Amino acid sequence: MAIPDRLPNGYALQDGYVLENLLATPQWQTNTPITALAGGGLSSTTPLLVLGSNDVTVVATAADSVALPSAVPGSVVFVANRDSTDSLRIYCQTTDTVEGAAYVALAAGKRSLFIAVAVNVWVQMLGA
């Protein structure tokens, strides 16, 4: 998902195509419900998170997993582990890292914000 150029400041006529492109491209998506991949790991079947909000509602056993999209600077992904008992693993794509690792764990009932600060680099802000 590309972030469109901002409109210039001040009063001006705007090209209708520019306005249409700005408004037609969602900047924040919602992905719910998500069932984590049983057994965990990064595979082609791992649920891929979207840029925006992601609610993982089913984590059947500890270490079931989901995957972040490729890290592009400025990308933001919010993840909520709505499961009440099991920890969730959040994997990166094969060339990416999150906090220097291939994956991070998110405890049951916790939320986290992931921000891509460089190509292939995610940082995590853990919520309550």
Protein backbone atom coordinates (compact mmCIF):
# COMPACT_ATOMS: atom_id res chain seq x y z
CA MET A 1 0.00 0.00 0.00
CA ALA A 2 1.62 3.20 -1.18
CA ILE A 3 1.16 6.45 0.65
CA PRO A 4 0.03 9.10 -1.86
CA ASP A 5 1.60 12.54 -2.13
CA ARG A 6 -0.02 15.14 0.08
CA LEU A 7 -2.06 17.91 -1.44
CA PRO A 8 -0.31 21.31 -1.60
CA ASN A 9 -1.10 23.79 1.15
CA GLY A 10 -3.46 26.71 0.53
CA TYR A 11 -6.41 27.26 -1.76
CA ALA A 12 -6.13 25.74 -5.20
CA LEU A 13 -8.10 23.77 -7.71
CA GLN A 14 -7.25 20.10 -7.55
CA ASP A 15 -7.22 17.60 -10.38
CA GLY A 16 -10.15 15.20 -9.89
CA TYR A 17 -7.90 12.21 -10.59
CA VAL A 18 -5.56 13.21 -7.75
CA LEU A 19 -8.49 13.47 -5.33
CA GLU A 20 -9.94 10.17 -6.50
CA ASN A 21 -6.61 8.37 -5.99
CA LEU A 22 -6.15 9.87 -2.53
CA LEU A 23 -9.60 8.84 -1.37
CA ALA A 24 -9.77 5.46 -3.12
CA THR A 25 -6.62 4.07 -1.50
CA PRO A 26 -7.27 3.09 2.12
CA GLN A 27 -4.43 4.16 4.38
CA TRP A 28 -5.52 2.00 7.30
CA GLN A 29 -7.01 -1.46 6.88
CA THR A 30 -8.70 -3.72 9.40
CA ASN A 31 -8.15 -7.47 9.39
CA THR A 32 -10.35 -9.50 11.74
CA PRO A 33 -10.83 -12.26 12.77
CA ILE A 34 -7.46 -13.95 12.27
CA THR A 35 -6.65 -17.52 13.24
CA ALA A 36 -2.94 -18.05 13.93
CA LEU A 37 -1.10 -20.82 12.08
CA ALA A 38 -1.22 -23.98 14.19
CA GLY A 39 2.23 -25.20 15.17
CA GLY A 40 3.78 -21.84 14.39
CA GLY A 41 6.60 -20.92 12.05
CA LEU A 42 6.86 -18.87 8.89
CA SER A 43 5.34 -20.60 5.89
CA SER A 44 3.30 -19.75 2.82
CA THR A 45 0.16 -20.51 4.82
CA THR A 46 0.97 -18.21 7.74
CA PRO A 47 -1.72 -15.53 8.01
CA LEU A 48 -0.16 -12.33 6.65
CA LEU A 49 -0.97 -9.21 8.65
CA VAL A 50 -2.08 -6.03 6.89
CA LEU A 51 -0.83 -2.49 7.31
CA GLY A 52 -3.26 -1.19 9.89
CA SER A 53 -5.19 -3.08 12.55
CA ASN A 54 -5.06 -6.87 13.00
CA ASP A 55 -7.13 -8.81 15.57
CA VAL A 56 -5.86 -12.33 16.18
CA THR A 57 -8.84 -14.02 17.80
CA VAL A 58 -7.75 -17.68 17.75
CA VAL A 59 -4.40 -18.93 19.08
CA ALA A 60 -5.12 -22.62 19.64
CA THR A 61 -1.78 -23.48 21.29
CA ALA A 62 1.17 -21.44 22.52
CA ALA A 63 3.54 -20.34 19.72
CA ASP A 64 0.96 -20.42 16.91
CA SER A 65 1.97 -17.69 14.49
CA VAL A 66 1.19 -14.86 12.10
CA ALA A 67 3.57 -12.88 9.85
CA LEU A 68 4.31 -9.21 9.33
CA PRO A 69 4.38 -7.88 5.78
CA SER A 70 7.72 -6.82 4.30
CA ALA A 71 9.26 -3.91 6.19
CA VAL A 72 9.00 -0.72 4.14
CA PRO A 73 10.02 2.44 6.02
CA GLY A 74 6.97 4.18 7.48
CA SER A 75 4.77 1.08 7.50
CA VAL A 76 2.68 0.58 10.65
CA VAL A 77 1.03 -2.65 11.83
CA PHE A 78 -1.09 -2.95 14.99
CA VAL A 79 -1.62 -6.48 16.39
CA ALA A 80 -3.96 -7.51 19.19
CA ASN A 81 -3.75 -11.02 20.64
CA ARG A 82 -7.36 -11.48 21.75
CA ASP A 83 -6.78 -15.06 22.92
CA SER A 84 -7.13 -15.31 26.69
CA THR A 85 -4.59 -18.06 27.35
CA ASP A 86 -1.98 -18.58 24.61
CA SER A 87 1.03 -16.57 23.50
CA LEU A 88 1.32 -15.65 19.80
CA ARG A 89 4.51 -15.57 17.71
CA ILE A 90 4.80 -12.78 15.16
CA TYR A 91 7.30 -13.61 12.42
CA CYS A 92 9.03 -11.34 9.91
CA GLN A 93 9.49 -12.04 6.25
CA THR A 94 12.71 -13.99 5.56
CA THR A 95 15.00 -10.96 5.09
CA ASP A 96 13.42 -8.79 7.82
CA THR A 97 14.01 -8.56 11.55
CA VAL A 98 11.93 -7.31 14.46
CA GLU A 99 13.96 -6.11 17.42
CA GLY A 100 16.93 -7.94 15.86
CA ALA A 101 15.21 -11.33 15.71
CA ALA A 102 13.18 -13.39 13.23
CA TYR A 103 10.10 -13.23 15.48
CA VAL A 104 8.72 -11.87 18.74
CA ALA A 105 6.19 -13.33 21.14
CA LEU A 106 3.01 -11.49 22.13
CA ALA A 107 1.41 -12.71 25.35
CA ALA A 108 -2.29 -13.52 25.59
CA GLY A 109 -4.45 -10.42 25.88
CA LYS A 110 -1.64 -8.03 24.86
CA ARG A 111 -1.36 -5.54 22.03
CA SER A 112 1.63 -4.30 20.06
CA LEU A 113 2.49 -1.72 17.42
CA PHE A 114 5.14 -2.51 14.81
CA ILE A 115 6.82 0.28 12.86
CA ALA A 116 9.19 -0.23 9.94
CA VAL A 117 12.07 2.17 10.58
CA ALA A 118 14.23 1.01 7.66
CA VAL A 119 14.13 -1.50 4.84
CA ASN A 120 13.96 -4.97 6.45
CA VAL A 121 13.81 -3.54 10.01
CA TRP A 122 10.74 -3.55 12.30
CA VAL A 123 10.64 -2.13 15.83
CA GLN A 124 7.99 -3.12 18.37
CA MET A 125 6.11 -0.94 20.81
CA LEU A 126 4.47 -3.22 23.34
CA GLY A 127 1.12 -2.12 24.76
CA ALA A 128 -0.75 -3.12 27.88
